[in-house]
Amino acid sequence: MKTATTFPIFSNYLPPTQSFSIARPFILGLAFIGLLFIVNACQQPAPQEEELLSAGTPESQGVSSTSILDFVNAAEKEQPDALHSLMIVRHGKTIAQGWWNPYNPDSPHLLYSLSKSFTSTAIGLAVEEKLLSTDDLVTSFFPDIATDTTDNNLKAMRIHDLLRMNTGHLDDATGRTRVGGDDWVANFLALPVERKPGTIFVYNSAATYMLSAILQKVTGQTVVEYLQPRLFDPLEIKPPTWESDPKGINVGGWGLSVTTRDIAKFGQLYLQKGKWNGQQIISEAWVDKATSYQTSNGSNPESDWEQGYGYQFWRSRHNSYRGDGAFGQYCIVMPEQDAVIAITSGSKDMPGILNLVWTHLLPAMKESPLAEDTASQKALTEKLTSLKISVVEGENTAAISEEINGQTFKFAENPLGLEKVSFSKAGENMTITFTNASGDQVVPVGFRSNEKSQFTLPRMGTMQIASSGAWISQDTYSVTMISYESPHAITLSFTFKGKEMECQFEQNVSLGSTKMPPIKATLMKELSPVL
């Protein structure tokens, strides 16, 4: 079984309408929603199964290429460098797809809480196999832990309550589940349940974790292992990674990584009521139940986070539903439009992305095919094939650049565990070598380009990164490292003052602060006689 490269500090996702219940320190970003009747089915024949997700022009599927281009341009203007990928499927045809380099079609992307919808699917399959029931009591699966509990609310909690985030906790229990020992199940079951389950909605990733733990208890398999032959193989999804707790239980509520195309397939499967290539992968009854209104989460008609919640799916405006994850990981299913939109991103404004979908893409979806527009199609294709994340802007040299070439600086003690850093010019590019407990981490940095490499942090594993850098002033060199299998990027700015150096860290997105106090470093004299 594959193990996941994880970013524990980023694991718990709270939606925009929820407040943080747990204080989170800054950690380096490298460590990096029933289905309704389909109106268009009356307008256009359903695609042959073997043609699912094959390419089609936007106009052939009733969508204006110009509208898609407007969406992309608006996203880049309103949220620069936030989107990482986009895939639009209409009537089973892929009508637009693109990746912002260094993000690419083949690399998986960390899903954060979009993982929850996959965990829900596993529970649905287990229900169909009669391994469990949504009416089962949570404590019944862990009698060795919960036998002596006196908490009547806990004893009343059912799988149904976990699925719809109605556990009865007044606050998200995730942080408290993850501390106080390696047995997260015991930690969860030891928490007070302040309200009767089913009476209050609180977004709670620990509830999804418990679904995963229950599935593993019943099947002897992790969620990802259980889903492989039942979901991933039929959809031709390569074995994915999923973060696990200290006892080897997939965390369920976050931590899954798959590609954008995999997200689109998952959405299309739900759009098709659980059917794929003539096979009923998930029961239609589960699809309807999971994606329908199961509980209230607010009453604001303008908020996509207050349209109701299903079984680990969000109800959205415009009679749509979605799975979503922190910083803009979206699987948007639009039954009335017979469409699926998959998006990955590193966004500080998740509602803003959905607003752009409703503004530009929703009204563009017509009931009948449109006249082909070759000029607009060409412009769209050119745009989608040239997408990229911005590189660091600046100069490739500075007055001090020669002085630091080949020099090594020793870091003061810091929470990142960085020990030393050295700089070496390589033409217009730079090579930065960090030393930590995992050894020397050699990071090639491109000038006006991204150079790919790997970076290893103790206990965090190895991350795939792409780095660009430049001198942004005469004494400051800045490098941005993009963890292109996650939403995260980190910018490191090194300011040199004689024999001293200060390193400032800033993330693009974080569940806590995006900055941390600067780290000091001093020139290693014995290795650097020039200065």
Protein backbone atom coordinates (compact mmCIF):
# COMPACT_ATOMS: atom_id res chain seq x y z
CA MET A 1 0.00 0.00 0.00
CA LYS A 2 1.29 3.43 -0.86
CA THR A 3 1.87 5.90 1.90
CA ALA A 4 1.10 9.55 1.47
CA THR A 5 3.34 12.53 1.71
CA THR A 6 1.49 14.49 4.32
CA PHE A 7 1.19 18.02 5.58
CA PRO A 8 -0.36 17.51 9.03
CA ILE A 9 -0.81 21.16 9.90
CA PHE A 10 -2.97 21.66 6.83
CA SER A 11 -5.06 18.51 7.25
CA ASN A 12 -8.26 19.81 8.88
CA TYR A 13 -10.43 21.92 6.61
CA LEU A 14 -13.06 24.33 7.90
CA PRO A 15 -15.34 25.94 5.31
CA PRO A 16 -15.58 29.72 4.94
CA THR A 17 -18.70 29.99 7.10
CA GLN A 18 -17.14 28.13 10.01
CA SER A 19 -14.73 29.54 12.55
CA PHE A 20 -11.53 27.91 13.67
CA SER A 21 -11.88 26.14 17.00
CA ILE A 22 -8.23 25.20 17.28
CA ALA A 23 -5.24 27.53 17.35
CA ARG A 24 -2.76 26.42 14.70
CA PRO A 25 0.90 27.41 14.55
CA PHE A 26 2.51 28.25 11.23
CA ILE A 27 4.38 25.36 9.62
CA LEU A 28 6.28 25.43 6.36
CA GLY A 29 3.97 25.00 3.42
CA LEU A 30 6.38 22.64 1.75
CA ALA A 31 5.83 20.08 4.47
CA PHE A 32 3.35 20.23 2.41
CA ILE A 33 -23.35 17.76 -2.44
CA GLY A 34 -31.13 15.13 -4.43
CA LEU A 35 -29.53 14.59 -7.79
CA LEU A 36 -32.31 16.26 -9.81
CA PHE A 37 -33.79 15.29 -13.14
CA ILE A 38 -31.57 16.14 -16.08
CA VAL A 39 -33.23 18.60 -18.42
CA ASN A 40 -30.62 18.09 -21.11
CA ALA A 41 -31.32 14.38 -21.33
CA CYS A 42 -34.37 15.37 -23.31
CA GLN A 43 -32.29 17.56 -25.59
CA GLN A 44 -29.28 15.43 -26.30
CA PRO A 45 -28.70 11.66 -26.28
CA ALA A 46 -26.61 10.26 -23.46
CA PRO A 47 -23.04 9.55 -24.51
CA GLN A 48 -21.95 6.02 -25.25
CA GLU A 49 -20.14 4.70 -22.20
CA GLU A 50 -16.86 4.25 -24.08
CA GLU A 51 -16.97 7.91 -25.08
CA LEU A 52 -17.16 9.22 -21.53
CA LEU A 53 -14.77 12.07 -20.91
CA SER A 54 -13.45 12.03 -24.48
CA ALA A 55 -12.86 15.43 -26.01
CA GLY A 56 -15.59 17.52 -27.60
CA THR A 57 -15.74 21.15 -28.63
CA PRO A 58 -17.57 23.40 -26.19
CA GLU A 59 -20.05 24.48 -28.86
CA SER A 60 -20.94 20.87 -29.78
CA GLN A 61 -22.05 20.42 -26.18
CA GLY A 62 -23.95 23.72 -26.00
CA VAL A 63 -21.30 25.88 -24.33
CA SER A 64 -19.63 28.98 -25.71
CA SER A 65 -15.84 28.81 -25.90
CA THR A 66 -15.78 32.52 -25.20
CA SER A 67 -17.57 32.01 -21.89
CA ILE A 68 -14.99 29.46 -20.78
CA LEU A 69 -12.21 31.81 -21.79
CA ASP A 70 -13.94 34.60 -19.84
CA PHE A 71 -14.00 32.34 -16.79
CA VAL A 72 -10.29 31.60 -17.01
CA ASN A 73 -9.37 35.25 -17.57
CA ALA A 74 -11.59 36.39 -14.70
CA ALA A 75 -10.08 33.78 -12.39
CA GLU A 76 -6.56 34.89 -13.23
CA LYS A 77 -7.48 38.53 -12.72
CA GLU A 78 -9.42 38.13 -9.47
CA GLN A 79 -7.27 35.39 -7.98
CA PRO A 80 -3.81 35.52 -9.54
CA ASP A 81 -1.89 32.24 -9.42
CA ALA A 82 -4.68 30.61 -7.38
CA LEU A 83 -6.09 28.07 -9.84
CA HIS A 84 -3.99 24.98 -10.49
CA SER A 85 -6.23 23.01 -12.84
CA LEU A 86 -9.62 23.07 -14.53
CA MET A 87 -11.64 20.35 -16.25
CA ILE A 88 -15.17 20.90 -17.60
CA VAL A 89 -17.33 17.92 -18.65
CA ARG A 90 -20.68 18.43 -20.41
CA HIS A 91 -22.95 15.58 -21.61
CA GLY A 92 -20.07 13.25 -20.77
CA LYS A 93 -17.58 15.06 -23.01
CA THR A 94 -14.52 16.94 -21.85
CA ILE A 95 -14.92 20.37 -23.40
CA ALA A 96 -12.09 22.20 -21.66
CA GLN A 97 -9.12 21.28 -19.53
CA GLY A 98 -5.95 23.02 -18.47
CA TRP A 99 -3.20 23.03 -15.88
CA TRP A 100 -1.22 25.99 -14.62
CA ASN A 101 2.40 24.91 -14.99
CA PRO A 102 4.13 23.38 -13.00
CA TYR A 103 0.83 21.66 -12.17
CA ASN A 104 0.18 19.01 -14.80
CA PRO A 105 -2.29 16.27 -15.84
CA ASP A 106 -0.26 13.39 -14.45
CA SER A 107 0.55 14.64 -10.96
CA PRO A 108 -1.93 13.96 -8.16
CA HIS A 109 -3.16 16.88 -6.09
CA LEU A 110 -3.89 16.91 -2.37
CA LEU A 111 -7.69 17.11 -1.99
CA TYR A 112 -8.08 18.13 1.63
CA SER A 113 -11.78 17.74 2.54
CA LEU A 114 -12.84 16.67 -0.94
CA SER A 115 -11.52 13.38 0.46
CA LYS A 116 -14.69 13.20 2.59
CA SER A 117 -16.87 12.46 -0.43
CA PHE A 118 -14.72 9.43 -1.23
CA THR A 119 -15.04 8.20 2.37
CA SER A 120 -18.81 8.61 2.08
CA THR A 121 -18.69 6.48 -1.06
CA ALA A 122 -16.85 3.74 0.83
CA ILE A 123 -19.53 3.76 3.52
CA GLY A 124 -22.23 3.55 0.83
CA LEU A 125 -20.55 0.51 -0.69
CA ALA A 126 -20.25 -1.13 2.73
CA VAL A 127 -23.96 -0.48 3.34
CA GLU A 128 -24.78 -2.14 0.03
CA GLU A 129 -22.63 -5.10 1.00
CA LYS A 130 -24.53 -5.25 4.32
CA LEU A 131 -21.36 -4.85 6.32
CA LEU A 132 -22.93 -2.03 8.29
CA SER A 133 -25.97 0.24 8.42
CA THR A 134 -26.27 3.98 8.79
CA ASP A 135 -28.42 3.27 11.86
CA ASP A 136 -25.59 1.45 13.61
CA LEU A 137 -24.34 3.01 16.84
CA VAL A 138 -20.81 4.33 16.69
CA THR A 139 -19.84 2.84 20.05
CA SER A 140 -20.97 -0.64 18.94
CA PHE A 141 -17.87 -0.92 16.77
CA PHE A 142 -15.49 -0.20 19.63
CA PRO A 143 -16.83 -2.04 22.71
CA ASP A 144 -13.34 -2.40 24.15
CA ILE A 145 -13.06 1.40 24.35
CA ALA A 146 -16.64 2.57 24.87
CA THR A 147 -18.06 -0.08 27.23
CA ASP A 148 -17.87 2.11 30.31
CA THR A 149 -18.99 5.40 28.79
CA THR A 150 -21.65 7.31 30.72
CA ASP A 151 -22.17 9.91 28.00
CA ASN A 152 -25.71 9.23 26.78
CA ASN A 153 -25.26 11.50 23.79
CA LEU A 154 -22.20 9.55 22.71
CA LYS A 155 -24.07 6.28 23.18
CA ALA A 156 -26.84 7.64 20.91
CA MET A 157 -24.50 8.68 18.07
CA ARG A 158 -25.00 6.74 14.81
CA ILE A 159 -23.19 6.45 11.50
CA HIS A 160 -25.97 8.59 10.07
CA ASP A 161 -24.90 11.39 12.41
CA LEU A 162 -21.25 11.11 11.42
CA LEU A 163 -22.15 11.27 7.75
CA ARG A 164 -24.14 14.50 8.02
CA MET A 165 -21.93 16.26 10.58
CA ASN A 166 -24.55 16.02 13.31
CA THR A 167 -22.45 14.34 16.00
CA GLY A 168 -23.66 16.66 18.78
CA HIS A 169 -20.29 18.29 19.38
CA LEU A 170 -20.45 22.04 19.80
CA ASP A 171 -17.06 22.47 18.14
CA ASP A 172 -15.03 20.64 15.55
CA ALA A 173 -13.46 17.70 17.37
CA THR A 174 -10.59 17.14 14.98
CA GLY A 175 -7.83 18.89 16.86
CA ARG A 176 -8.81 17.25 20.14
CA THR A 177 -8.96 13.85 18.42
CA ARG A 178 -5.43 14.21 17.12
CA VAL A 179 -3.78 15.10 20.44
CA GLY A 180 -3.42 13.25 23.70
CA GLY A 181 -2.11 9.98 22.30
CA ASP A 182 -1.80 7.91 19.15
CA ASP A 183 -5.22 6.24 19.53
CA TRP A 184 -7.43 8.76 17.75
CA VAL A 185 -10.53 6.56 18.10
CA ALA A 186 -10.13 6.50 21.88
CA ASN A 187 -9.48 10.23 21.89
CA PHE A 188 -12.70 10.88 19.95
CA LEU A 189 -14.79 8.59 22.14
CA ALA A 190 -13.45 10.29 25.27
CA LEU A 191 -14.72 13.72 24.20
CA PRO A 192 -17.91 15.12 25.74
CA VAL A 193 -20.85 15.26 23.33
CA GLU A 194 -22.70 18.38 24.42
CA ARG A 195 -25.87 18.00 22.36
CA LYS A 196 -28.05 15.12 21.29
CA PRO A 197 -26.76 13.79 17.96
CA GLY A 198 -28.84 14.95 15.05
CA THR A 199 -29.74 18.30 16.59
CA ILE A 200 -26.83 20.49 15.51
CA PHE A 201 -24.59 20.82 12.44
CA VAL A 202 -20.92 21.37 13.14
CA TYR A 203 -18.41 20.77 10.39
CA ASN A 204 -16.23 18.11 11.90
CA SER A 205 -13.45 16.26 10.07
CA ALA A 206 -13.09 13.91 13.04
CA ALA A 207 -16.57 12.58 12.20
CA THR A 208 -15.26 11.50 8.81
CA TYR A 209 -12.20 9.99 10.45
CA MET A 210 -14.53 7.86 12.57
CA LEU A 211 -16.28 6.66 9.42
CA SER A 212 -12.91 5.53 8.15
CA ALA A 213 -12.07 3.83 11.45
CA ILE A 214 -15.43 2.01 11.46
CA LEU A 215 -14.92 0.81 7.89
CA GLN A 216 -11.46 -0.50 8.74
CA LYS A 217 -12.80 -2.19 11.88
CA VAL A 218 -15.45 -3.98 9.80
CA THR A 219 -13.42 -4.86 6.72
CA GLY A 220 -9.85 -5.11 7.98
CA GLN A 221 -8.86 -2.76 5.17
CA THR A 222 -8.13 0.93 5.00
CA VAL A 223 -10.57 3.07 3.03
CA VAL A 224 -8.13 3.37 0.13
CA GLU A 225 -7.58 -0.41 0.05
CA TYR A 226 -11.33 -1.07 0.23
CA LEU A 227 -12.07 1.42 -2.55
CA GLN A 228 -9.39 0.20 -4.94
CA PRO A 229 -11.29 -2.74 -6.53
CA ARG A 230 -14.73 -1.21 -5.95
CA LEU A 231 -14.20 2.36 -7.16
CA PHE A 232 -10.72 3.20 -8.32
CA ASP A 233 -10.17 0.20 -10.60
CA PRO A 234 -13.50 0.52 -12.48
CA LEU A 235 -12.80 4.23 -13.00
CA GLU A 236 -9.19 3.47 -14.02
CA ILE A 237 -7.77 5.55 -11.20
CA LYS A 238 -4.24 4.58 -10.25
CA PRO A 239 -3.78 3.50 -6.62
CA PRO A 240 -3.81 6.79 -4.73
CA THR A 241 -2.18 7.80 -1.49
CA TRP A 242 -4.14 8.70 1.63
CA GLU A 243 -2.75 10.05 4.86
CA SER A 244 -3.08 7.75 7.86
CA ASP A 245 -3.19 8.18 11.63
CA PRO A 246 -0.47 6.73 13.85
CA LYS A 247 -2.25 3.35 13.90
CA GLY A 248 -2.57 3.08 10.12
CA ILE A 249 -6.18 4.21 9.72
CA ASN A 250 -6.75 6.50 6.74
CA VAL A 251 -7.76 9.86 8.18
CA GLY A 252 -10.87 9.92 5.98
CA GLY A 253 -11.71 13.60 6.23
CA TRP A 254 -8.61 14.79 4.38
CA GLY A 255 -5.34 13.50 2.98
CA LEU A 256 -6.35 11.82 -0.31
CA SER A 257 -4.43 12.72 -3.45
CA VAL A 258 -5.70 12.05 -6.99
CA THR A 259 -5.46 13.79 -10.36
CA THR A 260 -7.89 16.36 -11.74
CA ARG A 261 -9.17 13.82 -14.26
CA ASP A 262 -9.86 11.43 -11.38
CA ILE A 263 -11.93 14.13 -9.68
CA ALA A 264 -13.90 14.62 -12.90
CA LYS A 265 -14.49 10.87 -13.22
CA PHE A 266 -15.75 10.73 -9.65
CA GLY A 267 -18.16 13.60 -10.33
CA GLN A 268 -19.35 12.02 -13.58
CA LEU A 269 -19.98 8.74 -11.75
CA TYR A 270 -22.27 10.56 -9.32
CA LEU A 271 -23.90 12.52 -12.13
CA GLN A 272 -24.72 9.16 -13.76
CA LYS A 273 -26.35 7.92 -10.55
CA GLY A 274 -23.44 5.62 -9.74
CA LYS A 275 -23.18 3.91 -13.12
CA TRP A 276 -19.99 3.61 -15.16
CA ASN A 277 -19.38 1.66 -18.38
CA GLY A 278 -22.60 -0.24 -17.93
CA GLN A 279 -21.74 -1.23 -14.37
CA GLN A 280 -23.54 0.05 -11.28
CA ILE A 281 -20.54 1.00 -9.18
CA ILE A 282 -22.49 2.75 -6.43
CA SER A 283 -26.19 2.15 -5.80
CA GLU A 284 -28.46 4.85 -7.14
CA ALA A 285 -30.16 4.94 -3.75
CA TRP A 286 -26.87 5.90 -2.07
CA VAL A 287 -26.09 8.56 -4.65
CA ASP A 288 -29.49 10.13 -4.11
CA LYS A 289 -29.16 9.99 -0.34
CA ALA A 290 -25.57 11.20 -0.16
CA THR A 291 -26.11 14.20 -2.40
CA SER A 292 -29.52 15.28 -1.13
CA TYR A 293 -30.38 17.66 1.72
CA GLN A 294 -29.80 15.74 4.94
CA THR A 295 -29.41 18.60 7.40
CA SER A 296 -29.51 22.37 7.63
CA ASN A 297 -26.26 24.29 7.81
CA GLY A 298 -27.67 27.81 7.52
CA SER A 299 -30.28 29.87 5.73
CA ASN A 300 -28.41 32.39 3.57
CA PRO A 301 -29.66 31.89 -0.01
CA GLU A 302 -26.53 33.57 -1.38
CA SER A 303 -24.04 31.27 0.33
CA ASP A 304 -22.89 27.97 -1.15
CA TRP A 305 -22.11 26.86 2.40
CA GLU A 306 -25.69 27.28 3.66
CA GLN A 307 -27.72 25.27 1.13
CA GLY A 308 -27.79 22.11 3.24
CA TYR A 309 -25.43 19.22 3.74
CA GLY A 310 -25.73 15.61 2.59
CA TYR A 311 -23.56 12.62 3.40
CA GLN A 312 -20.17 14.31 3.11
CA PHE A 313 -21.33 16.34 0.11
CA TRP A 314 -22.34 19.99 0.16
CA ARG A 315 -25.54 21.18 -1.43
CA SER A 316 -24.79 24.24 -3.58
CA ARG A 317 -26.78 27.00 -5.18
CA HIS A 318 -28.51 26.41 -8.52
CA ASN A 319 -29.62 22.89 -7.50
CA SER A 320 -26.08 21.58 -7.72
CA TYR A 321 -23.90 19.78 -5.21
CA ARG A 322 -20.21 19.33 -4.65
CA GLY A 323 -17.37 17.80 -2.78
CA ASP A 324 -14.85 20.41 -1.76
CA GLY A 325 -11.63 20.86 0.11
CA ALA A 326 -9.59 23.64 1.65
CA PHE A 327 -8.12 26.27 -0.64
CA GLY A 328 -10.43 25.39 -3.55
CA GLN A 329 -10.40 21.68 -4.37
CA TYR A 330 -13.75 21.24 -6.14
CA CYS A 331 -15.84 18.48 -7.66
CA ILE A 332 -18.96 20.39 -8.78
CA VAL A 333 -21.88 18.33 -10.10
CA MET A 334 -24.66 20.18 -11.96
CA PRO A 335 -27.48 17.69 -12.72
CA GLU A 336 -29.79 20.17 -14.46
CA GLN A 337 -26.96 21.14 -16.80
CA ASP A 338 -25.58 17.58 -17.12
CA ALA A 339 -22.15 18.91 -16.26
CA VAL A 340 -19.20 18.30 -13.96
CA ILE A 341 -16.48 20.82 -13.15
CA ALA A 342 -13.25 19.75 -11.46
CA ILE A 343 -10.95 22.41 -10.05
CA THR A 344 -7.82 22.32 -7.96
CA SER A 345 -6.31 25.47 -6.52
CA GLY A 346 -4.48 27.26 -3.76
CA SER A 347 -7.07 29.97 -3.12
CA LYS A 348 -7.66 32.27 -0.18
CA ASP A 349 -11.18 32.92 -1.49
CA MET A 350 -13.07 29.68 -2.06
CA PRO A 351 -16.49 31.35 -2.47
CA GLY A 352 -14.95 33.56 -5.15
CA ILE A 353 -14.21 30.55 -7.35
CA LEU A 354 -17.78 29.28 -7.13
CA ASN A 355 -19.08 32.78 -7.85
CA LEU A 356 -17.05 32.79 -11.07
CA VAL A 357 -18.55 29.42 -12.03
CA TRP A 358 -22.06 30.74 -11.50
CA THR A 359 -21.28 33.99 -13.33
CA HIS A 360 -19.48 32.67 -16.40
CA LEU A 361 -20.04 28.93 -16.85
CA LEU A 362 -23.57 28.25 -15.58
CA PRO A 363 -25.35 30.70 -17.93
CA ALA A 364 -23.18 29.52 -20.83
CA MET A 365 -24.64 26.00 -20.71
CA LYS A 366 -27.42 25.91 -23.31
CA GLU A 367 -29.89 23.13 -24.03
CA SER A 368 -28.83 22.61 -27.66
CA PRO A 369 -25.51 22.60 -29.51
CA LEU A 370 -24.19 25.94 -30.71
CA ALA A 371 -22.67 26.87 -34.04
CA GLU A 372 -18.98 26.01 -34.07
CA ASP A 373 -16.79 29.04 -33.40
CA THR A 374 -13.32 28.13 -34.62
CA ALA A 375 -11.76 31.48 -33.77
CA SER A 376 -12.93 31.36 -30.16
CA GLN A 377 -12.02 27.69 -29.91
CA LYS A 378 -8.50 28.50 -31.07
CA ALA A 379 -8.17 31.34 -28.57
CA LEU A 380 -9.40 29.06 -25.79
CA THR A 381 -7.02 26.28 -26.77
CA GLU A 382 -4.09 28.66 -26.87
CA LYS A 383 -5.00 29.96 -23.44
CA LEU A 384 -5.46 26.53 -21.87
CA THR A 385 -2.17 25.23 -23.24
CA SER A 386 -0.15 28.21 -22.01
CA LEU A 387 -1.33 28.46 -18.41
CA LYS A 388 1.35 28.91 -15.78
CA ILE A 389 1.95 30.08 -12.25
CA SER A 390 3.96 33.30 -12.13
CA VAL A 391 7.68 33.06 -11.48
CA VAL A 392 9.61 35.39 -9.18
CA GLU A 393 10.27 38.70 -10.91
CA GLY A 394 13.60 40.48 -10.46
CA GLU A 395 17.21 40.41 -11.59
CA ASN A 396 19.57 37.49 -12.00
CA THR A 397 22.39 39.30 -10.29
CA ALA A 398 23.03 41.90 -7.59
CA ALA A 399 26.01 43.65 -6.07
CA ILE A 400 26.19 41.03 -3.35
CA SER A 401 25.52 37.99 -5.52
CA GLU A 402 29.19 37.20 -6.11
CA GLU A 403 29.98 37.57 -2.43
CA ILE A 404 27.49 34.91 -1.37
CA ASN A 405 28.36 32.53 -4.20
CA GLY A 406 29.61 29.35 -2.62
CA GLN A 407 29.00 30.59 0.90
CA THR A 408 27.29 28.66 3.68
CA PHE A 409 25.19 30.16 6.47
CA LYS A 410 24.32 28.43 9.74
CA PHE A 411 20.73 28.91 10.94
CA ALA A 412 19.82 29.73 14.49
CA GLU A 413 17.62 27.12 16.12
CA ASN A 414 14.26 27.19 14.34
CA PRO A 415 10.97 25.25 14.29
CA LEU A 416 11.64 24.05 10.75
CA GLY A 417 14.70 22.11 11.72
CA LEU A 418 16.88 23.85 9.14
CA GLU A 419 20.55 23.72 10.04
CA LYS A 420 22.48 25.31 7.18
CA VAL A 421 21.96 26.85 3.76
CA SER A 422 24.42 27.54 0.96
CA PHE A 423 24.13 29.37 -2.35
CA SER A 424 25.79 28.60 -5.66
CA LYS A 425 25.31 30.39 -8.97
CA ALA A 426 24.63 28.21 -12.01
CA GLY A 427 24.57 30.61 -14.97
CA GLU A 428 21.43 32.69 -14.56
CA ASN A 429 20.04 30.15 -12.14
CA MET A 430 20.85 29.46 -8.52
CA THR A 431 21.32 26.28 -6.55
CA ILE A 432 20.34 26.44 -2.89
CA THR A 433 21.37 23.62 -0.60
CA PHE A 434 19.55 23.25 2.71
CA THR A 435 20.82 20.93 5.39
CA ASN A 436 18.46 19.33 7.89
CA ALA A 437 18.14 16.04 9.73
CA SER A 438 17.42 14.33 6.41
CA GLY A 439 20.72 15.54 5.01
CA ASP A 440 21.51 17.96 2.21
CA GLN A 441 18.50 19.10 0.17
CA VAL A 442 19.70 20.44 -3.17
CA VAL A 443 17.17 22.82 -4.73
CA PRO A 444 17.86 24.13 -8.25
CA VAL A 445 16.18 27.51 -8.72
CA GLY A 446 15.30 28.83 -12.17
CA PHE A 447 15.52 32.45 -13.26
CA ARG A 448 12.26 33.33 -15.05
CA SER A 449 11.52 29.60 -15.12
CA ASN A 450 10.68 26.80 -12.69
CA GLU A 451 13.18 24.08 -11.96
CA LYS A 452 11.78 20.81 -10.59
CA SER A 453 13.34 18.89 -7.75
CA GLN A 454 12.51 17.17 -4.49
CA PHE A 455 12.63 18.33 -0.91
CA THR A 456 12.60 16.09 2.15
CA LEU A 457 11.63 17.12 5.65
CA PRO A 458 11.91 14.79 8.65
CA ARG A 459 8.62 13.03 9.44
CA MET A 460 6.99 14.78 6.48
CA GLY A 461 8.46 12.82 3.62
CA THR A 462 9.58 13.90 0.17
CA MET A 463 7.76 16.57 -1.78
CA GLN A 464 7.87 17.37 -5.47
CA ILE A 465 8.65 21.05 -5.90
CA ALA A 466 9.27 23.57 -8.68
CA SER A 467 11.34 26.64 -7.82
CA SER A 468 12.01 30.05 -9.35
CA GLY A 469 14.00 32.92 -7.91
CA ALA A 470 15.52 36.34 -8.50
CA TRP A 471 17.18 39.25 -6.77
CA ILE A 472 14.30 41.53 -5.78
CA SER A 473 16.70 44.15 -4.40
CA GLN A 474 20.44 44.60 -4.12
CA ASP A 475 20.57 42.67 -0.84
CA THR A 476 17.57 40.28 -1.03
CA TYR A 477 17.20 37.08 -3.03
CA SER A 478 13.70 35.59 -3.17
CA VAL A 479 12.74 32.07 -4.19
CA THR A 480 9.26 30.55 -4.51
CA MET A 481 8.96 26.81 -4.14
CA ILE A 482 5.71 25.33 -5.45
CA SER A 483 4.66 21.98 -4.03
CA TYR A 484 2.85 21.06 -7.21
CA GLU A 485 1.12 17.99 -5.76
CA SER A 486 -0.59 20.19 -3.17
CA PRO A 487 -2.19 23.65 -2.91
CA HIS A 488 0.90 25.03 -1.25
CA ALA A 489 3.78 27.25 -2.22
CA ILE A 490 6.32 28.93 -0.01
CA THR A 491 8.35 32.04 -0.68
CA LEU A 492 11.69 32.39 1.05
CA SER A 493 13.37 35.79 1.02
CA PHE A 494 17.04 35.88 2.04
CA THR A 495 18.35 39.30 3.07
CA PHE A 496 22.11 39.62 3.47
CA LYS A 497 23.79 42.15 5.74
CA GLY A 498 27.52 41.55 6.03
CA LYS A 499 28.06 38.22 7.69
CA GLU A 500 24.46 37.97 8.80
CA MET A 501 21.50 36.68 6.85
CA GLU A 502 17.77 36.79 7.62
CA CYS A 503 15.32 34.36 6.04
CA GLN A 504 11.63 35.29 5.84
CA PHE A 505 9.05 32.55 5.11
CA GLU A 506 5.61 33.22 3.64
CA GLN A 507 3.00 30.76 2.37
CA ASN A 508 0.44 31.32 -0.35
CA VAL A 509 -2.33 29.70 1.74
CA SER A 510 -2.58 28.30 5.23
CA LEU A 511 -5.19 27.39 7.84
CA GLY A 512 -3.31 29.67 10.21
CA SER A 513 -0.90 32.53 9.66
CA THR A 514 0.79 32.64 6.28
CA LYS A 515 3.96 34.09 7.78
CA MET A 516 6.34 33.14 10.52
CA PRO A 517 9.01 35.16 12.30
CA PRO A 518 12.23 35.47 10.31
CA ILE A 519 15.06 33.05 10.98
CA LYS A 520 18.54 34.38 11.52
CA ALA A 521 21.66 32.84 10.06
CA THR A 522 25.36 33.60 10.29
CA LEU A 523 28.13 33.08 7.78
CA MET A 524 30.19 30.02 8.59
CA LYS A 525 33.63 31.61 8.79
CA GLU A 526 35.63 28.45 8.60
CA LEU A 527 34.03 27.64 5.28
CA SER A 528 33.82 31.22 4.03
CA PRO A 529 37.14 33.04 4.31
CA VAL A 530 36.23 35.50 1.51
CA LEU A 531 34.06 37.56 3.86
